[in-house]
């Protein structure tokens, strides 16, 4: 896209320069030869029009490319959102590619073209949830819903069951836990801060599910995780 914009900008600049040169030569060469002046002016005007058209065409391609990129990102987000709902409801093993595609309003081909496989889709979802602090929420973050808690359990279970997935997500998970301590980027968290972050993670994962199973415990997540 950047290259297209640069070419389009250069074409516009060249078209402007050609138009200015056309006007100047038309004035200067008329004194030498009207026929030559008209011929040169005509040629330059045609060149200027061609450059304008090229600039518009390149700009149009750039805009179309931007729209395609935006739509591709929207499709990917919609598929990940659907995967989060389906996996929370049915579990990773119980969720099929067709289930996810249908929940997002797409065909299975959309899933495969964006992620390649069910495993790749789940990994991308886990990476997103970790990066956005939903698996290891920080103190003060929005309360975890029961649906999110179920998804978090699936992510944690998959990391433990699959050594390859665990290895792929290990750094993301460690980063999420570290950020949950509130230590910041300038220092390593203390052991006490790490312990509190893990305790907070356990509470925010389990307490919402307990509240759903036993309504008399409603509000437990907030009470237990509020300093």
C-alpha atoms as a PDB file:
ATOM      1  CA  UNK A   1       0.000   0.000   0.000  1.00  0.00           C
ATOM      2  CA  UNK A   2       2.804   2.422   0.867  1.00  0.00           C
ATOM      3  CA  UNK A   3       4.482   1.737  -2.478  1.00  0.00           C
ATOM      4  CA  UNK A   4       1.204   2.317  -4.352  1.00  0.00           C
ATOM      5  CA  UNK A   5       0.679   5.623  -2.537  1.00  0.00           C
ATOM      6  CA  UNK A   6       4.217   6.727  -3.356  1.00  0.00           C
ATOM      7  CA  UNK A   7       3.766   5.890  -7.051  1.00  0.00           C
ATOM      8  CA  UNK A   8       0.397   7.641  -7.140  1.00  0.00           C
ATOM      9  CA  UNK A   9       1.854  10.725  -5.470  1.00  0.00           C
ATOM     10  CA  UNK A  10       4.762  10.772  -7.913  1.00  0.00           C
ATOM     11  CA  UNK A  11       2.385  10.390 -10.871  1.00  0.00           C
ATOM     12  CA  UNK A  12       0.271  13.306  -9.637  1.00  0.00           C
ATOM     13  CA  UNK A  13       3.344  15.462  -9.167  1.00  0.00           C
ATOM     14  CA  UNK A  14       4.605  14.571 -12.638  1.00  0.00           C
ATOM     15  CA  UNK A  15       1.188  15.317 -14.128  1.00  0.00           C
ATOM     16  CA  UNK A  16       1.171  18.748 -12.471  1.00  0.00           C
ATOM     17  CA  UNK A  17       4.695  19.461 -13.723  1.00  0.00           C
ATOM     18  CA  UNK A  18       3.765  18.332 -17.235  1.00  0.00           C
ATOM     19  CA  UNK A  19       0.727  20.600 -17.239  1.00  0.00           C
ATOM     20  CA  UNK A  20       2.845  23.556 -16.167  1.00  0.00           C
ATOM     21  CA  UNK A  21       5.456  22.768 -18.823  1.00  0.00           C
ATOM     22  CA  UNK A  22       2.729  22.501 -21.437  1.00  0.00           C
ATOM     23  CA  UNK A  23       1.510  25.973 -20.630  1.00  0.00           C
ATOM     24  CA  UNK A  24       5.019  27.433 -20.602  1.00  0.00           C
ATOM     25  CA  UNK A  25       6.105  25.832 -23.873  1.00  0.00           C
ATOM     26  CA  UNK A  26       2.852  26.800 -25.530  1.00  0.00           C
ATOM     27  CA  UNK A  27       3.652  30.400 -24.738  1.00  0.00           C
ATOM     28  CA  UNK A  28       7.336  30.274 -25.657  1.00  0.00           C
ATOM     29  CA  UNK A  29       7.254  28.139 -28.799  1.00  0.00           C
ATOM     30  CA  UNK A  30       4.441  30.072 -30.413  1.00  0.00           C
ATOM     31  CA  UNK A  31       6.981  32.716 -31.294  1.00  0.00           C
ATOM     32  CA  UNK A  32       9.197  30.145 -33.052  1.00  0.00           C
ATOM     33  CA  UNK A  33       6.652  28.080 -34.859  1.00  0.00           C
ATOM     34  CA  UNK A  34       2.938  27.822 -34.292  1.00  0.00           C
ATOM     35  CA  UNK A  35       2.850  24.280 -35.713  1.00  0.00           C
ATOM     36  CA  UNK A  36       5.704  23.060 -33.511  1.00  0.00           C
ATOM     37  CA  UNK A  37       4.256  24.767 -30.476  1.00  0.00           C
ATOM     38  CA  UNK A  38       0.847  23.211 -31.038  1.00  0.00           C
ATOM     39  CA  UNK A  39       2.351  19.752 -31.603  1.00  0.00           C
ATOM     40  CA  UNK A  40       4.469  19.875 -28.464  1.00  0.00           C
ATOM     41  CA  UNK A  41       1.637  21.304 -26.397  1.00  0.00           C
ATOM     42  CA  UNK A  42      -0.772  18.630 -27.628  1.00  0.00           C
ATOM     43  CA  UNK A  43       1.711  15.871 -26.858  1.00  0.00           C
ATOM     44  CA  UNK A  44       2.315  17.176 -23.376  1.00  0.00           C
ATOM     45  CA  UNK A  45      -1.417  17.582 -22.715  1.00  0.00           C
ATOM     46  CA  UNK A  46      -1.970  13.955 -23.687  1.00  0.00           C
ATOM     47  CA  UNK A  47       0.908  12.890 -21.459  1.00  0.00           C
ATOM     48  CA  UNK A  48      -0.583  14.883 -18.593  1.00  0.00           C
ATOM     49  CA  UNK A  49      -4.005  13.229 -19.058  1.00  0.00           C
ATOM     50  CA  UNK A  50      -2.358   9.811 -19.138  1.00  0.00           C
ATOM     51  CA  UNK A  51      -0.496  10.521 -15.940  1.00  0.00           C
ATOM     52  CA  UNK A  52      -3.691  11.738 -14.248  1.00  0.00           C
ATOM     53  CA  UNK A  53      -5.480   8.551 -15.257  1.00  0.00           C
ATOM     54  CA  UNK A  54      -2.574   6.426 -14.014  1.00  0.00           C
ATOM     55  CA  UNK A  55      -2.601   8.266 -10.697  1.00  0.00           C
ATOM     56  CA  UNK A  56      -6.355   7.749 -10.279  1.00  0.00           C
ATOM     57  CA  UNK A  57      -6.040   4.080 -11.183  1.00  0.00           C
ATOM     58  CA  UNK A  58      -3.248   3.500  -8.665  1.00  0.00           C
ATOM     59  CA  UNK A  59      -5.162   5.356  -5.946  1.00  0.00           C
ATOM     60  CA  UNK A  60      -8.243   3.264  -6.734  1.00  0.00           C
ATOM     61  CA  UNK A  61      -6.258   0.053  -6.432  1.00  0.00           C
ATOM     62  CA  UNK A  62      -4.820   1.222  -3.110  1.00  0.00           C
ATOM     63  CA  UNK A  63      -8.290   1.993  -1.742  1.00  0.00           C
ATOM     64  CA  UNK A  64      -9.606  -1.366  -2.921  1.00  0.00           C
ATOM     65  CA  UNK A  65      -6.629  -3.084  -1.295  1.00  0.00           C
ATOM     66  CA  UNK A  66      -7.350  -1.264   1.965  1.00  0.00           C
ATOM     67  CA  UNK A  67     -10.992  -2.354   1.851  1.00  0.00           C
ATOM     68  CA  UNK A  68     -10.022  -5.971   1.206  1.00  0.00           C
ATOM     69  CA  UNK A  69      -7.558  -5.872   4.092  1.00  0.00           C
ATOM     70  CA  UNK A  70     -10.143  -4.353   6.431  1.00  0.00           C
ATOM     71  CA  UNK A  71     -12.721  -6.940   5.412  1.00  0.00           C
ATOM     72  CA  UNK A  72     -10.228  -9.774   5.919  1.00  0.00           C
ATOM     73  CA  UNK A  73      -9.483  -8.465   9.429  1.00  0.00           C
ATOM     74  CA  UNK A  74     -13.212  -8.217  10.179  1.00  0.00           C
ATOM     75  CA  UNK A  75     -13.757 -11.804   9.002  1.00  0.00           C
ATOM     76  CA  UNK A  76     -10.885 -13.041  11.153  1.00  0.00           C
ATOM     77  CA  UNK A  77     -12.244 -11.208  14.212  1.00  0.00           C
ATOM     78  CA  UNK A  78     -15.753 -12.550  13.649  1.00  0.00           C
ATOM     79  CA  UNK A  79     -14.432 -16.104  13.392  1.00  0.00           C
ATOM     80  CA  UNK A  80     -12.399 -15.726  16.585  1.00  0.00           C
ATOM     81  CA  UNK A  81     -15.398 -14.281  18.426  1.00  0.00           C
ATOM     82  CA  UNK A  82     -17.532 -17.192  17.251  1.00  0.00           C
ATOM     83  CA  UNK A  83     -14.839 -19.682  18.247  1.00  0.00           C
ATOM     84  CA  UNK A  84     -14.760 -18.167  21.741  1.00  0.00           C
ATOM     85  CA  UNK A  85     -18.529 -18.648  22.138  1.00  0.00           C
ATOM     86  CA  UNK A  86     -18.637 -22.153  20.686  1.00  0.00           C
ATOM     87  CA  UNK A  87     -15.609 -23.472  22.581  1.00  0.00           C
ATOM     88  CA  UNK A  88     -16.868 -22.008  25.858  1.00  0.00           C
ATOM     89  CA  UNK A  89     -20.202 -23.729  25.259  1.00  0.00           C
ATOM     90  CA  UNK A  90     -19.070 -27.097  23.898  1.00  0.00           C
ATOM     91  CA  UNK A  91     -15.419 -27.378  24.849  1.00  0.00           C
ATOM     92  CA  UNK A  92     -12.533 -27.589  22.409  1.00  0.00           C
ATOM     93  CA  UNK A  93     -13.068 -31.273  21.665  1.00  0.00           C
ATOM     94  CA  UNK A  94     -16.796 -30.827  21.183  1.00  0.00           C
ATOM     95  CA  UNK A  95     -16.537 -27.802  18.902  1.00  0.00           C
ATOM     96  CA  UNK A  96     -16.201 -28.446  15.189  1.00  0.00           C
ATOM     97  CA  UNK A  97     -14.985 -26.161  12.435  1.00  0.00           C
ATOM     98  CA  UNK A  98     -18.502 -26.246  11.016  1.00  0.00           C
ATOM     99  CA  UNK A  99     -19.923 -25.112  14.376  1.00  0.00           C
ATOM    100  CA  UNK A 100     -17.578 -22.134  14.485  1.00  0.00           C
ATOM    101  CA  UNK A 101     -18.187 -21.197  10.852  1.00  0.00           C
ATOM    102  CA  UNK A 102     -21.960 -21.418  11.279  1.00  0.00           C
ATOM    103  CA  UNK A 103     -21.915 -19.320  14.454  1.00  0.00           C
ATOM    104  CA  UNK A 104     -19.986 -16.614  12.585  1.00  0.00           C
ATOM    105  CA  UNK A 105     -22.196 -16.815   9.495  1.00  0.00           C
ATOM    106  CA  UNK A 106     -19.512 -18.252   7.208  1.00  0.00           C
ATOM    107  CA  UNK A 107     -18.687 -21.529   5.525  1.00  0.00           C
ATOM    108  CA  UNK A 108     -15.990 -23.887   6.771  1.00  0.00           C
ATOM    109  CA  UNK A 109     -13.827 -22.665   3.893  1.00  0.00           C
ATOM    110  CA  UNK A 110     -13.567 -19.265   5.578  1.00  0.00           C
ATOM    111  CA  UNK A 111     -12.101 -20.887   8.681  1.00  0.00           C
ATOM    112  CA  UNK A 112      -9.575 -22.901   6.716  1.00  0.00           C
ATOM    113  CA  UNK A 113      -8.562 -19.964   4.526  1.00  0.00           C
ATOM    114  CA  UNK A 114      -7.972 -17.748   7.564  1.00  0.00           C
ATOM    115  CA  UNK A 115      -6.471 -20.234  10.017  1.00  0.00           C
ATOM    116  CA  UNK A 116      -5.612 -23.444   8.201  1.00  0.00           C
ATOM    117  CA  UNK A 117      -6.971 -25.851  10.818  1.00  0.00           C
ATOM    118  CA  UNK A 118      -9.024 -26.103  13.991  1.00  0.00           C
ATOM    119  CA  UNK A 119      -5.804 -26.258  16.019  1.00  0.00           C
ATOM    120  CA  UNK A 120      -4.484 -23.077  14.406  1.00  0.00           C
ATOM    121  CA  UNK A 121      -7.807 -21.340  15.057  1.00  0.00           C
ATOM    122  CA  UNK A 122      -7.698 -22.311  18.725  1.00  0.00           C
ATOM    123  CA  UNK A 123      -4.096 -21.179  19.069  1.00  0.00           C
ATOM    124  CA  UNK A 124      -4.913 -17.796  17.526  1.00  0.00           C
ATOM    125  CA  UNK A 125      -7.868 -17.470  19.900  1.00  0.00           C
ATOM    126  CA  UNK A 126      -5.736 -18.365  22.927  1.00  0.00           C
ATOM    127  CA  UNK A 127      -3.061 -15.858  21.869  1.00  0.00           C
ATOM    128  CA  UNK A 128      -5.693 -13.123  21.545  1.00  0.00           C
ATOM    129  CA  UNK A 129      -7.290 -13.882  24.907  1.00  0.00           C
ATOM    130  CA  UNK A 130      -3.907 -13.855  26.626  1.00  0.00           C
ATOM    131  CA  UNK A 131      -2.818 -10.626  24.932  1.00  0.00           C
ATOM    132  CA  UNK A 132      -6.053  -8.882  25.920  1.00  0.00           C
ATOM    133  CA  UNK A 133      -5.747  -9.961  29.579  1.00  0.00           C
ATOM    134  CA  UNK A 134      -8.889 -12.079  29.597  1.00  0.00           C
ATOM    135  CA  UNK A 135      -7.177 -15.315  30.668  1.00  0.00           C
ATOM    136  CA  UNK A 136      -5.115 -13.664  33.407  1.00  0.00           C
ATOM    137  CA  UNK A 137      -7.067 -10.508  34.244  1.00  0.00           C
ATOM    138  CA  UNK A 138      -5.416  -7.722  36.171  1.00  0.00           C
ATOM    139  CA  UNK A 139      -6.821  -6.276  39.383  1.00  0.00           C
ATOM    140  CA  UNK A 140      -9.357  -3.670  38.384  1.00  0.00           C
ATOM    141  CA  UNK A 141     -10.232  -5.307  35.053  1.00  0.00           C
ATOM    142  CA  UNK A 142     -13.870  -6.010  34.261  1.00  0.00           C
ATOM    143  CA  UNK A 143     -15.293  -9.064  36.069  1.00  0.00           C
ATOM    144  CA  UNK A 144     -14.876 -12.355  34.221  1.00  0.00           C
ATOM    145  CA  UNK A 145     -18.145 -13.800  32.949  1.00  0.00           C
ATOM    146  CA  UNK A 146     -19.045 -17.467  33.280  1.00  0.00           C
ATOM    147  CA  UNK A 147     -18.621 -17.870  29.513  1.00  0.00           C
ATOM    148  CA  UNK A 148     -15.144 -16.345  29.642  1.00  0.00           C
ATOM    149  CA  UNK A 149     -14.245 -18.504  32.636  1.00  0.00           C
ATOM    150  CA  UNK A 150     -15.205 -21.638  30.686  1.00  0.00           C
ATOM    151  CA  UNK A 151     -13.089 -20.505  27.737  1.00  0.00           C
ATOM    152  CA  UNK A 152     -10.166 -19.774  30.048  1.00  0.00           C
ATOM    153  CA  UNK A 153     -10.401 -23.280  31.480  1.00  0.00           C
ATOM    154  CA  UNK A 154     -10.299 -24.715  27.951  1.00  0.00           C
ATOM    155  CA  UNK A 155      -7.199 -22.680  27.141  1.00  0.00           C
ATOM    156  CA  UNK A 156      -5.437 -23.697  30.352  1.00  0.00           C
ATOM    157  CA  UNK A 157      -6.447 -27.340  29.915  1.00  0.00           C
ATOM    158  CA  UNK A 158      -5.213 -27.392  26.309  1.00  0.00           C
ATOM    159  CA  UNK A 159      -1.876 -25.895  27.352  1.00  0.00           C
ATOM    160  CA  UNK A 160      -1.468 -28.722  29.875  1.00  0.00           C
ATOM    161  CA  UNK A 161      -2.659 -31.519  27.599  1.00  0.00           C
ATOM    162  CA  UNK A 162      -0.646 -30.514  24.560  1.00  0.00           C
ATOM    163  CA  UNK A 163       3.081 -30.016  25.019  1.00  0.00           C
ATOM    164  CA  UNK A 164       3.320 -28.335  21.611  1.00  0.00           C
ATOM    165  CA  UNK A 165       0.519 -25.861  22.367  1.00  0.00           C
ATOM    166  CA  UNK A 166       1.919 -25.293  25.833  1.00  0.00           C
ATOM    167  CA  UNK A 167       5.307 -24.458  24.355  1.00  0.00           C
ATOM    168  CA  UNK A 168       3.775 -22.114  21.788  1.00  0.00           C
ATOM    169  CA  UNK A 169       1.756 -20.228  24.405  1.00  0.00           C
ATOM    170  CA  UNK A 170       4.219 -20.377  27.304  1.00  0.00           C
ATOM    171  CA  UNK A 171       5.740 -16.943  26.697  1.00  0.00           C
ATOM    172  CA  UNK A 172       2.324 -15.331  26.148  1.00  0.00           C
ATOM    173  CA  UNK A 173       0.992 -16.884  29.336  1.00  0.00           C
ATOM    174  CA  UNK A 174       4.025 -15.881  31.397  1.00  0.00           C
ATOM    175  CA  UNK A 175       3.731 -12.337  30.062  1.00  0.00           C
ATOM    176  CA  UNK A 176       0.023 -12.211  30.924  1.00  0.00           C
ATOM    177  CA  UNK A 177       0.659 -13.388  34.484  1.00  0.00           C
ATOM    178  CA  UNK A 178       3.520 -10.918  34.873  1.00  0.00           C
ATOM    179  CA  UNK A 179       1.334  -8.046  33.666  1.00  0.00           C
ATOM    180  CA  UNK A 180      -1.391  -9.149  36.073  1.00  0.00           C
ATOM    181  CA  UNK A 181       0.971  -8.448  38.973  1.00  0.00           C
ATOM    182  CA  UNK A 182       1.035  -4.753  38.111  1.00  0.00           C
ATOM    183  CA  UNK A 183       4.819  -4.714  38.409  1.00  0.00           C
ATOM    184  CA  UNK A 184       5.213  -2.800  35.146  1.00  0.00           C
ATOM    185  CA  UNK A 185       7.899  -3.165  32.469  1.00  0.00           C
ATOM    186  CA  UNK A 186      10.734  -1.638  34.517  1.00  0.00           C
ATOM    187  CA  UNK A 187      11.137  -4.334  37.151  1.00  0.00           C
ATOM    188  CA  UNK A 188      10.566  -8.008  37.749  1.00  0.00           C
ATOM    189  CA  UNK A 189       7.595  -8.848  39.990  1.00  0.00           C
ATOM    190  CA  UNK A 190       8.325 -10.190  43.437  1.00  0.00           C
ATOM    191  CA  UNK A 191       7.384 -13.725  44.370  1.00  0.00           C
ATOM    192  CA  UNK A 192       4.583 -12.357  46.546  1.00  0.00           C
ATOM    193  CA  UNK A 193       3.196 -10.403  43.580  1.00  0.00           C
ATOM    194  CA  UNK A 194       3.343 -13.493  41.383  1.00  0.00           C
ATOM    195  CA  UNK A 195       1.570 -15.534  44.061  1.00  0.00           C
ATOM    196  CA  UNK A 196      -1.206 -12.950  44.282  1.00  0.00           C
ATOM    197  CA  UNK A 197      -1.554 -12.891  40.484  1.00  0.00           C
ATOM    198  CA  UNK A 198      -1.916 -16.670  40.371  1.00  0.00           C
ATOM    199  CA  UNK A 199      -4.446 -16.581  43.209  1.00  0.00           C
ATOM    200  CA  UNK A 200      -6.374 -13.864  41.384  1.00  0.00           C
ATOM    201  CA  UNK A 201      -6.295 -15.973  38.218  1.00  0.00           C
ATOM    202  CA  UNK A 202      -7.658 -18.996  40.093  1.00  0.00           C
ATOM    203  CA  UNK A 203     -10.446 -16.980  41.687  1.00  0.00           C
ATOM    204  CA  UNK A 204     -11.542 -15.238  38.508  1.00  0.00           C
ATOM    205  CA  UNK A 205     -11.609 -18.558  36.649  1.00  0.00           C
ATOM    206  CA  UNK A 206     -13.508 -20.616  39.219  1.00  0.00           C
ATOM    207  CA  UNK A 207     -15.678 -18.157  41.144  1.00  0.00           C
ATOM    208  CA  UNK A 208     -17.886 -17.151  38.164  1.00  0.00           C
ATOM    209  CA  UNK A 209     -18.715 -20.813  37.548  1.00  0.00           C
ATOM    210  CA  UNK A 210     -19.518 -21.362  41.232  1.00  0.00           C
ATOM    211  CA  UNK A 211     -21.845 -18.367  41.131  1.00  0.00           C
ATOM    212  CA  UNK A 212     -23.749 -19.871  38.193  1.00  0.00           C
ATOM    213  CA  UNK A 213     -23.985 -23.277  39.909  1.00  0.00           C
ATOM    214  CA  UNK A 214     -25.067 -21.730  43.211  1.00  0.00           C
ATOM    215  CA  UNK A 215     -26.811 -18.357  42.899  1.00  0.00           C
ATOM    216  CA  UNK A 216     -26.472 -17.772  46.647  1.00  0.00           C
ATOM    217  CA  UNK A 217     -22.780 -17.081  46.035  1.00  0.00           C
ATOM    218  CA  UNK A 218     -23.539 -14.242  43.604  1.00  0.00           C
ATOM    219  CA  UNK A 219     -20.964 -11.484  43.882  1.00  0.00           C
ATOM    220  CA  UNK A 220     -18.282 -13.807  45.217  1.00  0.00           C
ATOM    221  CA  UNK A 221     -15.893 -12.962  42.386  1.00  0.00           C
ATOM    222  CA  UNK A 222     -16.089  -9.266  43.157  1.00  0.00           C
ATOM    223  CA  UNK A 223     -15.790  -9.723  46.910  1.00  0.00           C
ATOM    224  CA  UNK A 224     -12.861 -12.108  46.709  1.00  0.00           C
ATOM    225  CA  UNK A 225     -10.877 -10.219  44.084  1.00  0.00           C
ATOM    226  CA  UNK A 226     -11.419  -6.666  45.370  1.00  0.00           C
ATOM    227  CA  UNK A 227      -8.530  -5.513  47.572  1.00  0.00           C
END
